[in-house]
Amino acid sequence: MAVYTDVSDESLIAFLAEYDLGSLVAFRGIAEGVENSNYVLRTTAGDFILTLYEKRVDPADLPWFLGLMEHLAQRGILCPRPVHGRDGAALRQLCGRYAAITTFLPGVWPRHVKVEHCAQVGAVLARLHLAGEDYRPRRENALGPHAWKPLFARCSGQADEIRPGLAAELAEALDRILAVWPAELPTGQIHADLFPDNVFFLEGAVSGVIDFYFAATDFYAYDIAICLNAWCFEADSSLNVTKARALLRGYEEVRKLLPAEQEALPVLAQGAAMRFLLTRLYDWLYTPANALVVRKDPLEYLRRLRFHLNAPDAGAYGL
């Protein structure tokens, strides 16, 4: 989450007039994240999240994202539910951007990830996968393997400014990953961005899963690989295999991994590390200086990528 587009009181009040949400009490920007402009919104009807969709989000995908959230919420997943206006629409425009209001979820994301967090995340990810099985619309993963080389090409000329030799190292790793990327694995709707700041906990239990704007139709095991990268590495860039084992066991308590998914886990983890390294690299180079946003260090994912490239098999992750 972030703030790129400022919203005036007058614009927001006019926007809220399209809803049955009472009158405006307060709103403030959320600085975390890098994608859309987000505000915590309080009205006399309660607390909500207002999102303005920025340039990286294709407006044509927005009904799919909002529909998926509504679908998952109806099936018991604790995720934001789009709020419909008086005309029945959940999507409209504000300050020249497409915008939507969603329900507010209580809880806080874990600043210090523990083993018990990982176990619960694994389980909620599996439940999300199962709940999305009957969501029939499909959406290609816009940041899947086909997108990595074009994204790298936009960054490669400046990559060595961040770390000498980075461009050559990434080019070699990218070729290696794409050469062995799986062709067929169990596929469905995935979150694709389930980082700690997108999972809320309350009294020790998951209370919400947010930020579905990278969600797509892709390999379930790739979603697991994203979570291994996001939840199971320590500050010194070492994998905490106890956390990884807990995440995988939590997942398998709900949905068993096939042997082919287990076998593919190292290359999927390599791809997940590459994907986030490249988008962080792009954002590091191209985020506007005046944006209220916290840029994230791409080199964190370089160190994770190196681990995965040396992982012999799924046993490296505790399987």
C-alpha atoms as a PDB file:
ATOM      1  CA  MET A   1       0.000   0.000   0.000  1.00  0.00           C
ATOM      2  CA  ALA A   2       1.109   3.580  -0.601  1.00  0.00           C
ATOM      3  CA  VAL A   3      -0.028   7.094  -1.533  1.00  0.00           C
ATOM      4  CA  TYR A   4       0.679   8.477  -4.984  1.00  0.00           C
ATOM      5  CA  THR A   5      -2.547  10.454  -5.548  1.00  0.00           C
ATOM      6  CA  ASP A   6      -3.700  13.101  -3.083  1.00  0.00           C
ATOM      7  CA  VAL A   7      -7.430  13.256  -2.386  1.00  0.00           C
ATOM      8  CA  SER A   8      -9.003  16.509  -1.222  1.00  0.00           C
ATOM      9  CA  ASP A   9     -11.755  16.623   1.382  1.00  0.00           C
ATOM     10  CA  GLU A  10     -14.152  18.026  -1.215  1.00  0.00           C
ATOM     11  CA  SER A  11     -13.441  15.241  -3.719  1.00  0.00           C
ATOM     12  CA  LEU A  12     -13.810  12.542  -1.097  1.00  0.00           C
ATOM     13  CA  ILE A  13     -17.101  13.929   0.237  1.00  0.00           C
ATOM     14  CA  ALA A  14     -18.512  13.997  -3.295  1.00  0.00           C
ATOM     15  CA  PHE A  15     -17.272  10.418  -3.848  1.00  0.00           C
ATOM     16  CA  LEU A  16     -18.873   9.184  -0.625  1.00  0.00           C
ATOM     17  CA  ALA A  17     -22.198  10.644  -1.685  1.00  0.00           C
ATOM     18  CA  GLU A  18     -22.506   7.669  -4.049  1.00  0.00           C
ATOM     19  CA  TYR A  19     -22.564   5.262  -1.070  1.00  0.00           C
ATOM     20  CA  ASP A  20     -24.731   4.588   1.957  1.00  0.00           C
ATOM     21  CA  LEU A  21     -21.789   4.975   4.338  1.00  0.00           C
ATOM     22  CA  GLY A  22     -22.830   8.048   6.266  1.00  0.00           C
ATOM     23  CA  SER A  23     -20.628  11.132   6.437  1.00  0.00           C
ATOM     24  CA  LEU A  24     -16.851  11.511   6.523  1.00  0.00           C
ATOM     25  CA  VAL A  25     -15.163  11.506   9.925  1.00  0.00           C
ATOM     26  CA  ALA A  26     -11.463  11.109   9.032  1.00  0.00           C
ATOM     27  CA  PHE A  27      -9.080   9.670   6.493  1.00  0.00           C
ATOM     28  CA  ARG A  28      -5.310   9.257   6.260  1.00  0.00           C
ATOM     29  CA  GLY A  29      -2.834   7.843   3.781  1.00  0.00           C
ATOM     30  CA  ILE A  30      -1.046   4.523   4.238  1.00  0.00           C
ATOM     31  CA  ALA A  31       2.649   4.721   3.320  1.00  0.00           C
ATOM     32  CA  GLU A  32       3.493   1.002   3.245  1.00  0.00           C
ATOM     33  CA  GLY A  33       3.774  -0.788  -0.080  1.00  0.00           C
ATOM     34  CA  VAL A  34       4.507   0.324  -3.625  1.00  0.00           C
ATOM     35  CA  GLU A  35       1.487  -0.186  -5.874  1.00  0.00           C
ATOM     36  CA  ASN A  36      -1.705   1.808  -5.283  1.00  0.00           C
ATOM     37  CA  SER A  37      -2.806   4.843  -3.284  1.00  0.00           C
ATOM     38  CA  ASN A  38      -4.501   3.691  -0.093  1.00  0.00           C
ATOM     39  CA  TYR A  39      -6.299   5.501   2.688  1.00  0.00           C
ATOM     40  CA  VAL A  40      -7.857   4.439   5.948  1.00  0.00           C
ATOM     41  CA  LEU A  41     -11.339   5.901   5.774  1.00  0.00           C
ATOM     42  CA  ARG A  42     -13.637   6.485   8.731  1.00  0.00           C
ATOM     43  CA  THR A  43     -17.269   7.457   8.278  1.00  0.00           C
ATOM     44  CA  THR A  44     -20.203   7.515  10.642  1.00  0.00           C
ATOM     45  CA  ALA A  45     -20.888   3.946   9.425  1.00  0.00           C
ATOM     46  CA  GLY A  46     -17.466   2.617  10.480  1.00  0.00           C
ATOM     47  CA  ASP A  47     -13.950   2.044   9.156  1.00  0.00           C
ATOM     48  CA  PHE A  48     -13.075   1.205   5.542  1.00  0.00           C
ATOM     49  CA  ILE A  49     -10.153   1.208   3.098  1.00  0.00           C
ATOM     50  CA  LEU A  50     -10.211   3.501   0.068  1.00  0.00           C
ATOM     51  CA  THR A  51      -7.938   2.427  -2.811  1.00  0.00           C
ATOM     52  CA  LEU A  52      -7.049   4.440  -5.896  1.00  0.00           C
ATOM     53  CA  TYR A  53      -5.528   2.224  -8.573  1.00  0.00           C
ATOM     54  CA  GLU A  54      -2.321   3.535 -10.055  1.00  0.00           C
ATOM     55  CA  LYS A  55      -0.561   2.965 -13.368  1.00  0.00           C
ATOM     56  CA  ARG A  56       0.784  -0.570 -12.886  1.00  0.00           C
ATOM     57  CA  VAL A  57      -2.730  -1.946 -12.382  1.00  0.00           C
ATOM     58  CA  ASP A  58      -4.615  -2.571 -15.622  1.00  0.00           C
ATOM     59  CA  PRO A  59      -8.140  -1.137 -15.192  1.00  0.00           C
ATOM     60  CA  ALA A  60      -9.492  -4.065 -17.205  1.00  0.00           C
ATOM     61  CA  ASP A  61      -8.357  -6.398 -14.394  1.00  0.00           C
ATOM     62  CA  LEU A  62     -10.110  -4.549 -11.587  1.00  0.00           C
ATOM     63  CA  PRO A  63     -13.482  -6.328 -11.859  1.00  0.00           C
ATOM     64  CA  TRP A  64     -11.590  -9.639 -11.654  1.00  0.00           C
ATOM     65  CA  PHE A  65      -9.746  -8.609  -8.482  1.00  0.00           C
ATOM     66  CA  LEU A  66     -12.861  -7.256  -6.788  1.00  0.00           C
ATOM     67  CA  GLY A  67     -14.883 -10.276  -7.866  1.00  0.00           C
ATOM     68  CA  LEU A  68     -12.273 -12.649  -6.444  1.00  0.00           C
ATOM     69  CA  MET A  69     -12.283 -10.871  -3.078  1.00  0.00           C
ATOM     70  CA  GLU A  70     -16.059 -11.020  -2.915  1.00  0.00           C
ATOM     71  CA  HIS A  71     -16.006 -14.697  -3.909  1.00  0.00           C
ATOM     72  CA  LEU A  72     -13.428 -15.608  -1.259  1.00  0.00           C
ATOM     73  CA  ALA A  73     -15.169 -13.601   1.458  1.00  0.00           C
ATOM     74  CA  GLN A  74     -18.414 -15.433   0.720  1.00  0.00           C
ATOM     75  CA  ARG A  75     -16.553 -18.711   1.269  1.00  0.00           C
ATOM     76  CA  GLY A  76     -15.163 -17.768   4.652  1.00  0.00           C
ATOM     77  CA  ILE A  77     -11.775 -16.325   3.761  1.00  0.00           C
ATOM     78  CA  LEU A  78     -11.068 -13.300   5.960  1.00  0.00           C
ATOM     79  CA  CYS A  79     -10.369 -10.803   3.219  1.00  0.00           C
ATOM     80  CA  PRO A  80     -11.682  -7.334   2.312  1.00  0.00           C
ATOM     81  CA  ARG A  81     -15.153  -7.283   0.797  1.00  0.00           C
ATOM     82  CA  PRO A  82     -15.823  -4.621  -1.855  1.00  0.00           C
ATOM     83  CA  VAL A  83     -18.455  -2.066  -0.851  1.00  0.00           C
ATOM     84  CA  HIS A  84     -21.083  -1.403  -3.492  1.00  0.00           C
ATOM     85  CA  GLY A  85     -22.510   2.035  -4.083  1.00  0.00           C
ATOM     86  CA  ARG A  86     -26.175   2.879  -4.370  1.00  0.00           C
ATOM     87  CA  ASP A  87     -26.016   1.990  -8.061  1.00  0.00           C
ATOM     88  CA  GLY A  88     -24.661  -1.486  -7.263  1.00  0.00           C
ATOM     89  CA  ALA A  89     -21.175  -0.722  -8.594  1.00  0.00           C
ATOM     90  CA  ALA A  90     -18.062  -1.397  -6.514  1.00  0.00           C
ATOM     91  CA  LEU A  91     -15.738   0.387  -8.938  1.00  0.00           C
ATOM     92  CA  ARG A  92     -15.857   4.075  -9.882  1.00  0.00           C
ATOM     93  CA  GLN A  93     -13.469   7.005 -10.403  1.00  0.00           C
ATOM     94  CA  LEU A  94     -11.908   9.500  -7.996  1.00  0.00           C
ATOM     95  CA  CYS A  95      -9.281  12.149  -8.814  1.00  0.00           C
ATOM     96  CA  GLY A  96      -8.737  10.697 -12.273  1.00  0.00           C
ATOM     97  CA  ARG A  97      -8.135   7.169 -10.960  1.00  0.00           C
ATOM     98  CA  TYR A  98     -10.318   4.111 -10.716  1.00  0.00           C
ATOM     99  CA  ALA A  99     -11.187   3.633  -7.063  1.00  0.00           C
ATOM    100  CA  ALA A 100     -13.001   1.293  -4.706  1.00  0.00           C
ATOM    101  CA  ILE A 101     -13.922   1.070  -1.043  1.00  0.00           C
ATOM    102  CA  THR A 102     -13.486  -2.201   0.822  1.00  0.00           C
ATOM    103  CA  THR A 103     -14.278  -3.317   4.336  1.00  0.00           C
ATOM    104  CA  PHE A 104     -11.683  -2.752   7.056  1.00  0.00           C
ATOM    105  CA  LEU A 105     -10.142  -5.789   8.751  1.00  0.00           C
ATOM    106  CA  PRO A 106      -8.930  -5.617  12.366  1.00  0.00           C
ATOM    107  CA  GLY A 107      -5.520  -6.807  13.487  1.00  0.00           C
ATOM    108  CA  VAL A 108      -1.855  -6.032  12.904  1.00  0.00           C
ATOM    109  CA  TRP A 109       0.724  -7.625  10.661  1.00  0.00           C
ATOM    110  CA  PRO A 110       3.672  -9.349  12.392  1.00  0.00           C
ATOM    111  CA  ARG A 111       6.805  -7.217  12.476  1.00  0.00           C
ATOM    112  CA  HIS A 112       8.707 -10.191  13.905  1.00  0.00           C
ATOM    113  CA  VAL A 113       7.666 -13.400  12.163  1.00  0.00           C
ATOM    114  CA  LYS A 114       7.462 -16.454  14.396  1.00  0.00           C
ATOM    115  CA  VAL A 115       7.081 -20.141  13.617  1.00  0.00           C
ATOM    116  CA  GLU A 116       3.425 -20.056  14.656  1.00  0.00           C
ATOM    117  CA  HIS A 117       2.755 -17.261  12.177  1.00  0.00           C
ATOM    118  CA  CYS A 118       4.213 -19.389   9.374  1.00  0.00           C
ATOM    119  CA  ALA A 119       2.083 -22.406  10.244  1.00  0.00           C
ATOM    120  CA  GLN A 120      -1.082 -20.318  10.129  1.00  0.00           C
ATOM    121  CA  VAL A 121      -0.083 -18.615   6.891  1.00  0.00           C
ATOM    122  CA  GLY A 122       0.449 -22.000   5.249  1.00  0.00           C
ATOM    123  CA  ALA A 123      -3.008 -23.111   6.317  1.00  0.00           C
ATOM    124  CA  VAL A 124      -4.774 -19.922   5.249  1.00  0.00           C
ATOM    125  CA  LEU A 125      -3.012 -20.021   1.878  1.00  0.00           C
ATOM    126  CA  ALA A 126      -4.268 -23.559   1.269  1.00  0.00           C
ATOM    127  CA  ARG A 127      -7.802 -22.565   2.290  1.00  0.00           C
ATOM    128  CA  LEU A 128      -7.610 -19.607  -0.085  1.00  0.00           C
ATOM    129  CA  HIS A 129      -6.582 -21.913  -2.920  1.00  0.00           C
ATOM    130  CA  LEU A 130      -9.460 -24.286  -2.247  1.00  0.00           C
ATOM    131  CA  ALA A 131     -11.984 -21.460  -1.839  1.00  0.00           C
ATOM    132  CA  GLY A 132     -10.997 -20.053  -5.223  1.00  0.00           C
ATOM    133  CA  GLU A 133     -11.421 -23.312  -7.118  1.00  0.00           C
ATOM    134  CA  ASP A 134     -14.926 -22.423  -8.299  1.00  0.00           C
ATOM    135  CA  TYR A 135     -14.075 -18.834  -9.230  1.00  0.00           C
ATOM    136  CA  ARG A 136     -14.277 -19.424 -12.955  1.00  0.00           C
ATOM    137  CA  PRO A 137     -12.790 -16.277 -14.503  1.00  0.00           C
ATOM    138  CA  ARG A 138      -9.078 -16.637 -15.162  1.00  0.00           C
ATOM    139  CA  ARG A 139      -6.386 -13.970 -15.149  1.00  0.00           C
ATOM    140  CA  GLU A 140      -2.906 -14.484 -16.556  1.00  0.00           C
ATOM    141  CA  ASN A 141      -0.158 -13.631 -14.098  1.00  0.00           C
ATOM    142  CA  ALA A 142       1.087 -10.303 -15.474  1.00  0.00           C
ATOM    143  CA  LEU A 143       4.322 -10.729 -13.491  1.00  0.00           C
ATOM    144  CA  GLY A 144       4.822 -14.385 -14.324  1.00  0.00           C
ATOM    145  CA  PRO A 145       7.905 -15.829 -16.065  1.00  0.00           C
ATOM    146  CA  HIS A 146       7.063 -14.305 -19.455  1.00  0.00           C
ATOM    147  CA  ALA A 147       7.387 -10.824 -17.893  1.00  0.00           C
ATOM    148  CA  TRP A 148      10.764 -11.229 -16.209  1.00  0.00           C
ATOM    149  CA  LYS A 149      13.074 -10.716 -19.191  1.00  0.00           C
ATOM    150  CA  PRO A 150      11.271  -7.548 -20.389  1.00  0.00           C
ATOM    151  CA  LEU A 151      11.329  -6.191 -16.837  1.00  0.00           C
ATOM    152  CA  PHE A 152      15.010  -7.014 -16.481  1.00  0.00           C
ATOM    153  CA  ALA A 153      15.720  -5.268 -19.774  1.00  0.00           C
ATOM    154  CA  ARG A 154      14.268  -2.042 -18.354  1.00  0.00           C
ATOM    155  CA  CYS A 155      16.589  -2.236 -15.340  1.00  0.00           C
ATOM    156  CA  SER A 156      19.749  -3.923 -16.589  1.00  0.00           C
ATOM    157  CA  GLY A 157      21.475  -0.737 -17.739  1.00  0.00           C
ATOM    158  CA  GLN A 158      21.412   0.692 -14.213  1.00  0.00           C
ATOM    159  CA  ALA A 159      21.601  -2.514 -12.164  1.00  0.00           C
ATOM    160  CA  ASP A 160      25.352  -2.288 -11.637  1.00  0.00           C
ATOM    161  CA  GLU A 161      24.869   1.121  -9.995  1.00  0.00           C
ATOM    162  CA  ILE A 162      23.219  -0.745  -7.130  1.00  0.00           C
ATOM    163  CA  ARG A 163      25.768  -3.552  -7.016  1.00  0.00           C
ATOM    164  CA  PRO A 164      28.696  -4.125  -9.385  1.00  0.00           C
ATOM    165  CA  GLY A 165      28.120  -7.248 -11.474  1.00  0.00           C
ATOM    166  CA  LEU A 166      24.420  -7.420 -10.641  1.00  0.00           C
ATOM    167  CA  ALA A 167      23.247  -7.271 -14.255  1.00  0.00           C
ATOM    168  CA  ALA A 168      25.388 -10.225 -15.347  1.00  0.00           C
ATOM    169  CA  GLU A 169      24.436 -12.289 -12.304  1.00  0.00           C
ATOM    170  CA  LEU A 170      20.720 -11.718 -12.876  1.00  0.00           C
ATOM    171  CA  ALA A 171      20.967 -12.446 -16.599  1.00  0.00           C
ATOM    172  CA  GLU A 172      22.636 -15.793 -15.922  1.00  0.00           C
ATOM    173  CA  ALA A 173      20.174 -16.738 -13.172  1.00  0.00           C
ATOM    174  CA  LEU A 174      17.192 -15.734 -15.279  1.00  0.00           C
ATOM    175  CA  ASP A 175      18.285 -17.956 -18.165  1.00  0.00           C
ATOM    176  CA  ARG A 176      18.824 -20.863 -15.782  1.00  0.00           C
ATOM    177  CA  ILE A 177      15.392 -20.505 -14.161  1.00  0.00           C
ATOM    178  CA  LEU A 178      13.422 -20.113 -17.374  1.00  0.00           C
ATOM    179  CA  ALA A 179      15.126 -23.132 -18.959  1.00  0.00           C
ATOM    180  CA  VAL A 180      13.614 -25.489 -16.338  1.00  0.00           C
ATOM    181  CA  TRP A 181      10.375 -23.695 -15.422  1.00  0.00           C
ATOM    182  CA  PRO A 182       7.557 -26.270 -15.004  1.00  0.00           C
ATOM    183  CA  ALA A 183       4.979 -26.603 -17.757  1.00  0.00           C
ATOM    184  CA  GLU A 184       2.181 -28.300 -15.833  1.00  0.00           C
ATOM    185  CA  LEU A 185       1.320 -28.185 -12.142  1.00  0.00           C
ATOM    186  CA  PRO A 186      -1.993 -27.831 -10.270  1.00  0.00           C
ATOM    187  CA  THR A 187      -3.297 -24.373 -11.108  1.00  0.00           C
ATOM    188  CA  GLY A 188      -5.934 -22.016  -9.760  1.00  0.00           C
ATOM    189  CA  GLN A 189      -6.389 -18.594  -8.211  1.00  0.00           C
ATOM    190  CA  ILE A 190      -3.351 -17.497  -6.205  1.00  0.00           C
ATOM    191  CA  HIS A 191      -2.712 -14.441  -4.044  1.00  0.00           C
ATOM    192  CA  ALA A 192       0.822 -13.965  -5.434  1.00  0.00           C
ATOM    193  CA  ASP A 193       1.839 -11.330  -2.849  1.00  0.00           C
ATOM    194  CA  LEU A 194       1.194 -12.869   0.576  1.00  0.00           C
ATOM    195  CA  PHE A 195       3.896 -10.998   2.478  1.00  0.00           C
ATOM    196  CA  PRO A 196       3.745 -10.417   6.247  1.00  0.00           C
ATOM    197  CA  ASP A 197       2.306  -6.916   5.761  1.00  0.00           C
ATOM    198  CA  ASN A 198      -0.615  -8.467   3.882  1.00  0.00           C
ATOM    199  CA  VAL A 199      -1.673 -10.790   6.707  1.00  0.00           C
ATOM    200  CA  PHE A 200      -3.234  -9.484   9.904  1.00  0.00           C
ATOM    201  CA  PHE A 201      -3.256 -11.295  13.241  1.00  0.00           C
ATOM    202  CA  LEU A 202      -5.497 -10.668  16.232  1.00  0.00           C
ATOM    203  CA  GLU A 203      -5.076 -12.502  19.538  1.00  0.00           C
ATOM    204  CA  GLY A 204      -2.699 -14.972  17.925  1.00  0.00           C
ATOM    205  CA  ALA A 205      -4.903 -15.933  14.991  1.00  0.00           C
ATOM    206  CA  VAL A 206      -5.125 -14.754  11.386  1.00  0.00           C
ATOM    207  CA  SER A 207      -7.746 -11.992  11.217  1.00  0.00           C
ATOM    208  CA  GLY A 208      -7.356 -10.873   7.623  1.00  0.00           C
ATOM    209  CA  VAL A 209      -5.642 -11.334   4.270  1.00  0.00           C
ATOM    210  CA  ILE A 210      -5.399  -8.169   2.183  1.00  0.00           C
ATOM    211  CA  ASP A 211      -4.016  -6.700  -1.064  1.00  0.00           C
ATOM    212  CA  PHE A 212      -5.191  -9.001  -3.843  1.00  0.00           C
ATOM    213  CA  TYR A 213      -4.029  -6.770  -6.687  1.00  0.00           C
ATOM    214  CA  PHE A 214      -1.343  -9.200  -7.870  1.00  0.00           C
ATOM    215  CA  ALA A 215      -3.684 -12.192  -7.668  1.00  0.00           C
ATOM    216  CA  ALA A 216      -3.773 -14.368 -10.769  1.00  0.00           C
ATOM    217  CA  THR A 217      -4.403 -17.824 -12.161  1.00  0.00           C
ATOM    218  CA  ASP A 218      -1.133 -19.701 -11.720  1.00  0.00           C
ATOM    219  CA  PHE A 219       0.526 -22.661 -10.031  1.00  0.00           C
ATOM    220  CA  TYR A 220      -0.554 -23.143  -6.405  1.00  0.00           C
ATOM    221  CA  ALA A 221       3.002 -24.215  -5.552  1.00  0.00           C
ATOM    222  CA  TYR A 222       4.348 -20.940  -6.929  1.00  0.00           C
ATOM    223  CA  ASP A 223       2.215 -19.141  -4.340  1.00  0.00           C
ATOM    224  CA  ILE A 224       3.820 -21.325  -1.672  1.00  0.00           C
ATOM    225  CA  ALA A 225       7.252 -20.436  -3.019  1.00  0.00           C
ATOM    226  CA  ILE A 226       6.423 -16.733  -2.730  1.00  0.00           C
ATOM    227  CA  CYS A 227       5.494 -17.292   0.918  1.00  0.00           C
ATOM    228  CA  LEU A 228       8.689 -19.216   1.641  1.00  0.00           C
ATOM    229  CA  ASN A 229      10.644 -16.215   0.380  1.00  0.00           C
ATOM    230  CA  ALA A 230       8.506 -13.706   2.256  1.00  0.00           C
ATOM    231  CA  TRP A 231       8.106 -15.430   5.629  1.00  0.00           C
ATOM    232  CA  CYS A 232      10.976 -17.825   6.229  1.00  0.00           C
ATOM    233  CA  PHE A 233      14.227 -15.873   5.824  1.00  0.00           C
ATOM    234  CA  GLU A 234      16.007 -14.155   8.697  1.00  0.00           C
ATOM    235  CA  ALA A 235      17.659 -10.727   8.739  1.00  0.00           C
ATOM    236  CA  ASP A 236      21.027 -12.301   7.858  1.00  0.00           C
ATOM    237  CA  SER A 237      19.420 -13.791   4.700  1.00  0.00           C
ATOM    238  CA  SER A 238      19.567 -17.360   6.006  1.00  0.00           C
ATOM    239  CA  LEU A 239      16.555 -19.623   5.554  1.00  0.00           C
ATOM    240  CA  ASN A 240      14.920 -20.577   8.847  1.00  0.00           C
ATOM    241  CA  VAL A 241      14.089 -24.163   7.971  1.00  0.00           C
ATOM    242  CA  THR A 242      11.892 -24.490  11.067  1.00  0.00           C
ATOM    243  CA  LYS A 243       9.675 -21.691   9.757  1.00  0.00           C
ATOM    244  CA  ALA A 244       9.692 -23.190   6.261  1.00  0.00           C
ATOM    245  CA  ARG A 245       8.722 -26.614   7.589  1.00  0.00           C
ATOM    246  CA  ALA A 246       5.911 -25.069   9.659  1.00  0.00           C
ATOM    247  CA  LEU A 247       4.558 -23.171   6.653  1.00  0.00           C
ATOM    248  CA  LEU A 248       4.610 -26.264   4.449  1.00  0.00           C
ATOM    249  CA  ARG A 249       3.047 -28.478   7.117  1.00  0.00           C
ATOM    250  CA  GLY A 250       0.356 -25.873   7.745  1.00  0.00           C
ATOM    251  CA  TYR A 251      -0.422 -25.877   4.046  1.00  0.00           C
ATOM    252  CA  GLU A 252      -0.475 -29.676   3.776  1.00  0.00           C
ATOM    253  CA  GLU A 253      -2.848 -30.002   6.704  1.00  0.00           C
ATOM    254  CA  VAL A 254      -5.410 -28.417   4.375  1.00  0.00           C
ATOM    255  CA  ARG A 255      -4.213 -29.379   0.882  1.00  0.00           C
ATOM    256  CA  LYS A 256      -1.606 -32.066   0.144  1.00  0.00           C
ATOM    257  CA  LEU A 257       1.166 -31.240  -2.298  1.00  0.00           C
ATOM    258  CA  LEU A 258       1.613 -33.589  -5.214  1.00  0.00           C
ATOM    259  CA  PRO A 259       5.071 -35.145  -5.750  1.00  0.00           C
ATOM    260  CA  ALA A 260       5.513 -32.957  -8.852  1.00  0.00           C
ATOM    261  CA  GLU A 261       4.845 -29.831  -6.765  1.00  0.00           C
ATOM    262  CA  GLN A 262       7.402 -30.873  -4.184  1.00  0.00           C
ATOM    263  CA  GLU A 263       9.985 -31.615  -6.872  1.00  0.00           C
ATOM    264  CA  ALA A 264       9.440 -28.202  -8.472  1.00  0.00           C
ATOM    265  CA  LEU A 265       9.704 -26.250  -5.229  1.00  0.00           C
ATOM    266  CA  PRO A 266      13.361 -25.117  -5.609  1.00  0.00           C
ATOM    267  CA  VAL A 267      12.896 -23.678  -9.109  1.00  0.00           C
ATOM    268  CA  LEU A 268       9.580 -22.103  -8.118  1.00  0.00           C
ATOM    269  CA  ALA A 269      11.349 -20.471  -5.161  1.00  0.00           C
ATOM    270  CA  GLN A 270      14.075 -19.253  -7.523  1.00  0.00           C
ATOM    271  CA  GLY A 271      11.424 -17.735  -9.788  1.00  0.00           C
ATOM    272  CA  ALA A 272       9.607 -16.118  -6.887  1.00  0.00           C
ATOM    273  CA  ALA A 273      12.856 -14.555  -5.658  1.00  0.00           C
ATOM    274  CA  MET A 274      13.638 -13.336  -9.171  1.00  0.00           C
ATOM    275  CA  ARG A 275      10.186 -11.812  -9.624  1.00  0.00           C
ATOM    276  CA  PHE A 276      10.392  -9.745  -6.440  1.00  0.00           C
ATOM    277  CA  LEU A 277      14.019  -8.851  -6.976  1.00  0.00           C
ATOM    278  CA  LEU A 278      13.166  -7.423 -10.402  1.00  0.00           C
ATOM    279  CA  THR A 279      10.110  -5.465  -9.296  1.00  0.00           C
ATOM    280  CA  ARG A 280      11.997  -4.081  -6.308  1.00  0.00           C
ATOM    281  CA  LEU A 281      14.873  -3.163  -8.604  1.00  0.00           C
ATOM    282  CA  TYR A 282      12.490  -1.392 -10.970  1.00  0.00           C
ATOM    283  CA  ASP A 283      10.797   0.476  -8.122  1.00  0.00           C
ATOM    284  CA  TRP A 284      14.164   1.419  -6.608  1.00  0.00           C
ATOM    285  CA  LEU A 285      15.187   2.989  -9.879  1.00  0.00           C
ATOM    286  CA  TYR A 286      11.912   4.544 -10.989  1.00  0.00           C
ATOM    287  CA  THR A 287       9.712   5.408  -7.963  1.00  0.00           C
ATOM    288  CA  PRO A 288       8.960   9.171  -8.002  1.00  0.00           C
ATOM    289  CA  ALA A 289      10.990  11.064  -5.410  1.00  0.00           C
ATOM    290  CA  ASN A 290       7.876  12.787  -4.035  1.00  0.00           C
ATOM    291  CA  ALA A 291       5.826   9.602  -3.554  1.00  0.00           C
ATOM    292  CA  LEU A 292       4.775   8.774  -0.003  1.00  0.00           C
ATOM    293  CA  VAL A 293       6.120   5.247  -0.240  1.00  0.00           C
ATOM    294  CA  VAL A 294       8.811   3.100   1.347  1.00  0.00           C
ATOM    295  CA  ARG A 295      11.097   1.605  -1.307  1.00  0.00           C
ATOM    296  CA  LYS A 296      12.317  -1.927  -0.582  1.00  0.00           C
ATOM    297  CA  ASP A 297      15.873  -3.155  -0.986  1.00  0.00           C
ATOM    298  CA  PRO A 298      16.187  -5.424  -4.052  1.00  0.00           C
ATOM    299  CA  LEU A 299      19.424  -6.949  -2.727  1.00  0.00           C
ATOM    300  CA  GLU A 300      17.491  -8.783  -0.006  1.00  0.00           C
ATOM    301  CA  TYR A 301      16.086 -10.925  -2.781  1.00  0.00           C
ATOM    302  CA  LEU A 302      19.456 -11.384  -4.447  1.00  0.00           C
ATOM    303  CA  ARG A 303      20.656 -13.187  -1.324  1.00  0.00           C
ATOM    304  CA  ARG A 304      17.507 -15.339  -1.260  1.00  0.00           C
ATOM    305  CA  LEU A 305      17.862 -16.115  -4.941  1.00  0.00           C
ATOM    306  CA  ARG A 306      21.405 -17.367  -4.340  1.00  0.00           C
ATOM    307  CA  PHE A 307      20.128 -19.704  -1.617  1.00  0.00           C
ATOM    308  CA  HIS A 308      17.462 -21.187  -3.886  1.00  0.00           C
ATOM    309  CA  LEU A 309      19.870 -21.640  -6.779  1.00  0.00           C
ATOM    310  CA  ASN A 310      21.977 -23.834  -4.481  1.00  0.00           C
ATOM    311  CA  ALA A 311      19.067 -25.796  -2.980  1.00  0.00           C
ATOM    312  CA  PRO A 312      19.391 -29.419  -4.155  1.00  0.00           C
ATOM    313  CA  ASP A 313      15.756 -30.407  -3.613  1.00  0.00           C
ATOM    314  CA  ALA A 314      12.651 -29.718  -1.515  1.00  0.00           C
ATOM    315  CA  GLY A 315      14.453 -31.128   1.525  1.00  0.00           C
ATOM    316  CA  ALA A 316      16.217 -27.768   1.781  1.00  0.00           C
ATOM    317  CA  TYR A 317      12.842 -26.325   2.855  1.00  0.00           C
ATOM    318  CA  GLY A 318      12.051 -28.959   5.446  1.00  0.00           C
ATOM    319  CA  LEU A 319      10.047 -31.397   3.330  1.00  0.00           C
END
